[in-house]
């Protein structure tokens, strides 16, 4: 996401591990259209994804939400001590978009 921040003209980006892209497991790199051909009616928000070739499962919406909640809690604590402007740059799916 640092590169995305740079492309947006932002400087001084600090990577935040919990804002990484949604873990799509076995669907990483697969288009939604391809998933729907294999699993008609599949929905990322309600259906799990299969593990990837290394056996790592994809994340559930709840897991992504917990990561995002951790970021916001840390940010809230930081801003309570040092109010300043902050921009969060994250993968659209981790923002509920």
Foldseek 3Di string as FASTA:
>chain_A
DVVVCVVVVHPPDDDDVLQADFFQACCVPPDPVVVCVVPPPDDLQPDWHAHHPVRHTTDHLVSLVVSVVVVVVVVVVVCVVPPDDDDDDHDPVSVVD
